[in-house]
Amino acid sequence: VLVIGGAGSIGSSFIKAMLPFKPEALVVVD
């Protein structure tokens, strides 16, 4: 998973919603 703008309010909330489903990799760009 790649999340661009992931440190903002919506991007970080998207990450927190998704992580319980256990992706293999998470790259966050901001």
PDB file of all heavy atoms in Angstrom:
ATOM      1  N   VAL A   1       0.837  -1.205   0.000  1.00  0.00           N
ATOM      2  CA  VAL A   1       0.000   0.000   0.000  1.00  0.00           C
ATOM      3  C   VAL A   1       0.869   1.251   0.000  1.00  0.00           C
ATOM      4  O   VAL A   1       1.829   1.353   0.767  1.00  0.00           O
ATOM      5  CB  VAL A   1      -0.930   0.022   1.234  1.00  0.00           C
ATOM      6  CG1 VAL A   1      -1.801   1.272   1.222  1.00  0.00           C
ATOM      7  CG2 VAL A   1      -1.791  -1.236   1.283  1.00  0.00           C
ATOM      8  N   LEU A   2       0.520   2.201  -0.858  1.00  0.00           N
ATOM      9  CA  LEU A   2       1.151   3.519  -0.882  1.00  0.00           C
ATOM     10  C   LEU A   2       0.091   4.558  -0.550  1.00  0.00           C
ATOM     11  O   LEU A   2      -0.967   4.597  -1.184  1.00  0.00           O
ATOM     12  CB  LEU A   2       1.734   3.814  -2.270  1.00  0.00           C
ATOM     13  CG  LEU A   2       2.187   5.260  -2.526  1.00  0.00           C
ATOM     14  CD1 LEU A   2       3.380   5.629  -1.642  1.00  0.00           C
ATOM     15  CD2 LEU A   2       2.538   5.457  -4.007  1.00  0.00           C
ATOM     16  N   VAL A   3       0.376   5.401   0.445  1.00  0.00           N
ATOM     17  CA  VAL A   3      -0.543   6.478   0.816  1.00  0.00           C
ATOM     18  C   VAL A   3       0.197   7.806   0.677  1.00  0.00           C
ATOM     19  O   VAL A   3       1.156   8.074   1.400  1.00  0.00           O
ATOM     20  CB  VAL A   3      -1.078   6.307   2.253  1.00  0.00           C
ATOM     21  CG1 VAL A   3      -2.090   7.413   2.562  1.00  0.00           C
ATOM     22  CG2 VAL A   3      -1.726   4.942   2.428  1.00  0.00           C
ATOM     23  N   ILE A   4      -0.248   8.617  -0.270  1.00  0.00           N
ATOM     24  CA  ILE A   4       0.338   9.930  -0.527  1.00  0.00           C
ATOM     25  C   ILE A   4      -0.467  10.969   0.247  1.00  0.00           C
ATOM     26  O   ILE A   4      -1.687  10.952   0.228  1.00  0.00           O
ATOM     27  CB  ILE A   4       0.316  10.236  -2.034  1.00  0.00           C
ATOM     28  CG1 ILE A   4       1.155   9.203  -2.793  1.00  0.00           C
ATOM     29  CG2 ILE A   4       0.822  11.647  -2.315  1.00  0.00           C
ATOM     30  CD1 ILE A   4       0.937   9.230  -4.295  1.00  0.00           C
ATOM     31  N   GLY A   5       0.227  11.873   0.933  1.00  0.00           N
ATOM     32  CA  GLY A   5      -0.473  12.803   1.817  1.00  0.00           C
ATOM     33  C   GLY A   5      -1.003  12.083   3.040  1.00  0.00           C
ATOM     34  O   GLY A   5      -2.015  12.472   3.629  1.00  0.00           O
ATOM     35  N   GLY A   6      -0.296  11.037   3.440  1.00  0.00           N
ATOM     36  CA  GLY A   6      -0.780  10.153   4.503  1.00  0.00           C
ATOM     37  C   GLY A   6      -0.622  10.678   5.911  1.00  0.00           C
ATOM     38  O   GLY A   6      -1.115  10.052   6.853  1.00  0.00           O
ATOM     39  N   ALA A   7       0.053  11.817   6.081  1.00  0.00           N
ATOM     40  CA  ALA A   7       0.208  12.371   7.428  1.00  0.00           C
ATOM     41  C   ALA A   7      -0.869  13.390   7.760  1.00  0.00           C
ATOM     42  O   ALA A   7      -0.934  13.883   8.884  1.00  0.00           O
ATOM     43  CB  ALA A   7       1.590  13.014   7.576  1.00  0.00           C
ATOM     44  N   GLY A   8      -1.724  13.704   6.795  1.00  0.00           N
ATOM     45  CA  GLY A   8      -2.813  14.640   7.046  1.00  0.00           C
ATOM     46  C   GLY A   8      -3.979  13.981   7.758  1.00  0.00           C
ATOM     47  O   GLY A   8      -3.949  12.781   8.060  1.00  0.00           O
ATOM     48  N   SER A   9      -5.004  14.742   8.011  1.00  0.00           N
ATOM     49  CA  SER A   9      -6.140  14.247   8.801  1.00  0.00           C
ATOM     50  C   SER A   9      -6.829  13.062   8.136  1.00  0.00           C
ATOM     51  O   SER A   9      -7.055  12.020   8.762  1.00  0.00           O
ATOM     52  CB  SER A   9      -7.157  15.376   9.015  1.00  0.00           C
ATOM     53  OG  SER A   9      -6.577  16.451   9.708  1.00  0.00           O
ATOM     54  N   ILE A  10      -7.162  13.194   6.847  1.00  0.00           N
ATOM     55  CA  ILE A  10      -7.896  12.128   6.168  1.00  0.00           C
ATOM     56  C   ILE A  10      -6.970  10.968   5.817  1.00  0.00           C
ATOM     57  O   ILE A  10      -7.313   9.803   6.021  1.00  0.00           O
ATOM     58  CB  ILE A  10      -8.600  12.664   4.905  1.00  0.00           C
ATOM     59  CG1 ILE A  10      -9.553  13.804   5.263  1.00  0.00           C
ATOM     60  CG2 ILE A  10      -9.366  11.549   4.201  1.00  0.00           C
ATOM     61  CD1 ILE A  10     -10.184  14.487   4.064  1.00  0.00           C
ATOM     62  N   GLY A  11      -5.784  11.276   5.309  1.00  0.00           N
ATOM     63  CA  GLY A  11      -4.845  10.219   4.946  1.00  0.00           C
ATOM     64  C   GLY A  11      -4.467   9.340   6.121  1.00  0.00           C
ATOM     65  O   GLY A  11      -4.422   8.105   6.014  1.00  0.00           O
ATOM     66  N   SER A  12      -4.197   9.944   7.272  1.00  0.00           N
ATOM     67  CA  SER A  12      -3.820   9.162   8.456  1.00  0.00           C
ATOM     68  C   SER A  12      -5.005   8.343   8.961  1.00  0.00           C
ATOM     69  O   SER A  12      -4.827   7.216   9.446  1.00  0.00           O
ATOM     70  CB  SER A  12      -3.290  10.086   9.565  1.00  0.00           C
ATOM     71  OG  SER A  12      -4.269  11.034   9.962  1.00  0.00           O
ATOM     72  N   SER A  13      -6.213   8.883   8.840  1.00  0.00           N
ATOM     73  CA  SER A  13      -7.404   8.127   9.249  1.00  0.00           C
ATOM     74  C   SER A  13      -7.643   6.944   8.320  1.00  0.00           C
ATOM     75  O   SER A  13      -8.090   5.872   8.753  1.00  0.00           O
ATOM     76  CB  SER A  13      -8.632   9.043   9.267  1.00  0.00           C
ATOM     77  OG  SER A  13      -8.496  10.054  10.247  1.00  0.00           O
ATOM     78  N   PHE A  14      -7.368   7.125   7.028  1.00  0.00           N
ATOM     79  CA  PHE A  14      -7.454   6.025   6.058  1.00  0.00           C
ATOM     80  C   PHE A  14      -6.485   4.904   6.451  1.00  0.00           C
ATOM     81  O   PHE A  14      -6.842   3.723   6.429  1.00  0.00           O
ATOM     82  CB  PHE A  14      -7.118   6.558   4.669  1.00  0.00           C
ATOM     83  CG  PHE A  14      -6.969   5.514   3.598  1.00  0.00           C
ATOM     84  CD1 PHE A  14      -8.070   4.878   3.061  1.00  0.00           C
ATOM     85  CD2 PHE A  14      -5.711   5.185   3.105  1.00  0.00           C
ATOM     86  CE1 PHE A  14      -7.937   3.922   2.054  1.00  0.00           C
ATOM     87  CE2 PHE A  14      -5.558   4.234   2.107  1.00  0.00           C
ATOM     88  CZ  PHE A  14      -6.675   3.601   1.582  1.00  0.00           C
ATOM     89  N   ILE A  15      -5.284   5.277   6.824  1.00  0.00           N
ATOM     90  CA  ILE A  15      -4.281   4.293   7.242  1.00  0.00           C
ATOM     91  C   ILE A  15      -4.775   3.515   8.457  1.00  0.00           C
ATOM     92  O   ILE A  15      -4.690   2.279   8.510  1.00  0.00           O
ATOM     93  CB  ILE A  15      -2.941   5.001   7.550  1.00  0.00           C
ATOM     94  CG1 ILE A  15      -2.301   5.488   6.245  1.00  0.00           C
ATOM     95  CG2 ILE A  15      -1.990   4.076   8.308  1.00  0.00           C
ATOM     96  CD1 ILE A  15      -1.124   6.426   6.447  1.00  0.00           C
ATOM     97  N   LYS A  16      -5.310   4.219   9.452  1.00  0.00           N
ATOM     98  CA  LYS A  16      -5.783   3.557  10.670  1.00  0.00           C
ATOM     99  C   LYS A  16      -6.983   2.655  10.401  1.00  0.00           C
ATOM    100  O   LYS A  16      -7.147   1.622  11.059  1.00  0.00           O
ATOM    101  CB  LYS A  16      -6.144   4.614  11.724  1.00  0.00           C
ATOM    102  CG  LYS A  16      -4.934   5.377  12.250  1.00  0.00           C
ATOM    103  CD  LYS A  16      -5.366   6.534  13.146  1.00  0.00           C
ATOM    104  CE  LYS A  16      -4.177   7.385  13.553  1.00  0.00           C
ATOM    105  NZ  LYS A  16      -4.582   8.572  14.348  1.00  0.00           N
ATOM    106  N   ALA A  17      -7.815   3.032   9.435  1.00  0.00           N
ATOM    107  CA  ALA A  17      -8.963   2.189   9.087  1.00  0.00           C
ATOM    108  C   ALA A  17      -8.518   0.912   8.388  1.00  0.00           C
ATOM    109  O   ALA A  17      -9.128  -0.155   8.555  1.00  0.00           O
ATOM    110  CB  ALA A  17      -9.921   2.973   8.185  1.00  0.00           C
ATOM    111  N   MET A  18      -7.444   1.005   7.635  1.00  0.00           N
ATOM    112  CA  MET A  18      -6.990  -0.093   6.792  1.00  0.00           C
ATOM    113  C   MET A  18      -6.072  -1.084   7.510  1.00  0.00           C
ATOM    114  O   MET A  18      -6.088  -2.289   7.222  1.00  0.00           O
ATOM    115  CB  MET A  18      -6.256   0.513   5.587  1.00  0.00           C
ATOM    116  CG  MET A  18      -5.896  -0.438   4.491  1.00  0.00           C
ATOM    117  SD  MET A  18      -5.032   0.481   3.199  1.00  0.00           S
ATOM    118  CE  MET A  18      -3.775   1.327   4.162  1.00  0.00           C
ATOM    119  N   LEU A  19      -5.262  -0.611   8.446  1.00  0.00           N
ATOM    120  CA  LEU A  19      -4.241  -1.463   9.072  1.00  0.00           C
ATOM    121  C   LEU A  19      -4.790  -2.713   9.764  1.00  0.00           C
ATOM    122  O   LEU A  19      -4.118  -3.755   9.744  1.00  0.00           O
ATOM    123  CB  LEU A  19      -3.395  -0.640  10.046  1.00  0.00           C
ATOM    124  CG  LEU A  19      -2.348   0.269   9.398  1.00  0.00           C
ATOM    125  CD1 LEU A  19      -1.577   1.049  10.451  1.00  0.00           C
ATOM    126  CD2 LEU A  19      -1.384  -0.523   8.510  1.00  0.00           C
ATOM    127  N   PRO A  20      -5.976  -2.678  10.379  1.00  0.00           N
ATOM    128  CA  PRO A  20      -6.490  -3.918  10.990  1.00  0.00           C
ATOM    129  C   PRO A  20      -6.652  -5.071  10.002  1.00  0.00           C
ATOM    130  O   PRO A  20      -6.715  -6.238  10.416  1.00  0.00           O
ATOM    131  CB  PRO A  20      -7.847  -3.489  11.567  1.00  0.00           C
ATOM    132  CG  PRO A  20      -7.697  -2.027  11.830  1.00  0.00           C
ATOM    133  CD  PRO A  20      -6.837  -1.529  10.711  1.00  0.00           C
ATOM    134  N   PHE A  21      -6.688  -4.757   8.700  1.00  0.00           N
ATOM    135  CA  PHE A  21      -6.829  -5.809   7.687  1.00  0.00           C
ATOM    136  C   PHE A  21      -5.473  -6.319   7.191  1.00  0.00           C
ATOM    137  O   PHE A  21      -5.404  -7.111   6.264  1.00  0.00           O
ATOM    138  CB  PHE A  21      -7.695  -5.300   6.532  1.00  0.00           C
ATOM    139  CG  PHE A  21      -9.107  -4.994   6.945  1.00  0.00           C
ATOM    140  CD1 PHE A  21      -9.492  -3.695   7.249  1.00  0.00           C
ATOM    141  CD2 PHE A  21     -10.043  -6.008   7.063  1.00  0.00           C
ATOM    142  CE1 PHE A  21     -10.785  -3.406   7.656  1.00  0.00           C
ATOM    143  CE2 PHE A  21     -11.346  -5.725   7.463  1.00  0.00           C
ATOM    144  CZ  PHE A  21     -11.713  -4.430   7.767  1.00  0.00           C
ATOM    145  N   LYS A  22      -4.385  -5.846   7.814  1.00  0.00           N
ATOM    146  CA  LYS A  22      -3.035  -6.392   7.697  1.00  0.00           C
ATOM    147  C   LYS A  22      -2.442  -6.421   6.288  1.00  0.00           C
ATOM    148  O   LYS A  22      -2.201  -7.478   5.709  1.00  0.00           O
ATOM    149  CB  LYS A  22      -2.992  -7.794   8.320  1.00  0.00           C
ATOM    150  CG  LYS A  22      -3.348  -7.784   9.801  1.00  0.00           C
ATOM    151  CD  LYS A  22      -3.126  -9.113  10.474  1.00  0.00           C
ATOM    152  CE  LYS A  22      -3.393  -8.996  11.977  1.00  0.00           C
ATOM    153  NZ  LYS A  22      -3.212 -10.265  12.693  1.00  0.00           N
ATOM    154  N   PRO A  23      -2.161  -5.238   5.739  1.00  0.00           N
ATOM    155  CA  PRO A  23      -1.392  -5.191   4.496  1.00  0.00           C
ATOM    156  C   PRO A  23       0.043  -5.654   4.748  1.00  0.00           C
ATOM    157  O   PRO A  23       0.542  -5.579   5.873  1.00  0.00           O
ATOM    158  CB  PRO A  23      -1.440  -3.710   4.116  1.00  0.00           C
ATOM    159  CG  PRO A  23      -1.614  -2.990   5.423  1.00  0.00           C
ATOM    160  CD  PRO A  23      -2.479  -3.889   6.254  1.00  0.00           C
ATOM    161  N   GLU A  24       0.712  -6.091   3.696  1.00  0.00           N
ATOM    162  CA  GLU A  24       2.093  -6.575   3.831  1.00  0.00           C
ATOM    163  C   GLU A  24       3.083  -5.428   3.966  1.00  0.00           C
ATOM    164  O   GLU A  24       4.072  -5.518   4.683  1.00  0.00           O
ATOM    165  CB  GLU A  24       2.460  -7.415   2.613  1.00  0.00           C
ATOM    166  CG  GLU A  24       3.896  -7.924   2.604  1.00  0.00           C
ATOM    167  CD  GLU A  24       4.239  -8.622   1.307  1.00  0.00           C
ATOM    168  OE1 GLU A  24       3.568  -9.626   0.992  1.00  0.00           O
ATOM    169  OE2 GLU A  24       5.160  -8.160   0.611  1.00  0.00           O
ATOM    170  N   ALA A  25       2.814  -4.336   3.257  1.00  0.00           N
ATOM    171  CA  ALA A  25       3.727  -3.194   3.261  1.00  0.00           C
ATOM    172  C   ALA A  25       2.924  -1.900   3.260  1.00  0.00           C
ATOM    173  O   ALA A  25       1.842  -1.815   2.676  1.00  0.00           O
ATOM    174  CB  ALA A  25       4.643  -3.240   2.046  1.00  0.00           C
ATOM    175  N   LEU A  26       3.460  -0.874   3.924  1.00  0.00           N
ATOM    176  CA  LEU A  26       2.835   0.450   3.957  1.00  0.00           C
ATOM    177  C   LEU A  26       3.917   1.504   3.773  1.00  0.00           C
ATOM    178  O   LEU A  26       4.823   1.630   4.599  1.00  0.00           O
ATOM    179  CB  LEU A  26       2.102   0.674   5.277  1.00  0.00           C
ATOM    180  CG  LEU A  26       1.553   2.091   5.503  1.00  0.00           C
ATOM    181  CD1 LEU A  26       0.511   2.449   4.447  1.00  0.00           C
ATOM    182  CD2 LEU A  26       0.960   2.229   6.903  1.00  0.00           C
ATOM    183  N   VAL A  27       3.834   2.235   2.679  1.00  0.00           N
ATOM    184  CA  VAL A  27       4.720   3.366   2.422  1.00  0.00           C
ATOM    185  C   VAL A  27       3.875   4.632   2.475  1.00  0.00           C
ATOM    186  O   VAL A  27       2.846   4.728   1.797  1.00  0.00           O
ATOM    187  CB  VAL A  27       5.419   3.237   1.052  1.00  0.00           C
ATOM    188  CG1 VAL A  27       6.198   4.508   0.728  1.00  0.00           C
ATOM    189  CG2 VAL A  27       6.349   2.030   1.052  1.00  0.00           C
ATOM    190  N   VAL A  28       4.286   5.584   3.296  1.00  0.00           N
ATOM    191  CA  VAL A  28       3.553   6.836   3.463  1.00  0.00           C
ATOM    192  C   VAL A  28       4.429   7.988   2.997  1.00  0.00           C
ATOM    193  O   VAL A  28       5.575   8.127   3.437  1.00  0.00           O
ATOM    194  CB  VAL A  28       3.136   7.063   4.932  1.00  0.00           C
ATOM    195  CG1 VAL A  28       2.263   8.303   5.057  1.00  0.00           C
ATOM    196  CG2 VAL A  28       2.407   5.844   5.486  1.00  0.00           C
ATOM    197  N   VAL A  29       3.892   8.797   2.111  1.00  0.00           N
ATOM    198  CA  VAL A  29       4.613   9.942   1.553  1.00  0.00           C
ATOM    199  C   VAL A  29       3.887  11.226   1.932  1.00  0.00           C
ATOM    200  O   VAL A  29       2.671  11.325   1.766  1.00  0.00           O
ATOM    201  CB  VAL A  29       4.721   9.821   0.014  1.00  0.00           C
ATOM    202  CG1 VAL A  29       5.251  11.105  -0.595  1.00  0.00           C
ATOM    203  CG2 VAL A  29       5.615   8.646  -0.356  1.00  0.00           C
ATOM    204  N   ASP A  30       4.640  12.191   2.441  1.00  0.00           N
ATOM    205  CA  ASP A  30       4.048  13.483   2.808  1.00  0.00           C
ATOM    206  C   ASP A  30       5.163  14.513   2.869  1.00  0.00           C
ATOM    207  O   ASP A  30       6.298  14.186   3.245  1.00  0.00           O
ATOM    208  CB  ASP A  30       3.342  13.391   4.165  1.00  0.00           C
ATOM    209  CG  ASP A  30       2.279  14.459   4.344  1.00  0.00           C
ATOM    210  OD1 ASP A  30       2.648  15.646   4.422  1.00  0.00           O
ATOM    211  OD2 ASP A  30       1.087  14.117   4.405  1.00  0.00           O
TER     212      ASP A  30
END
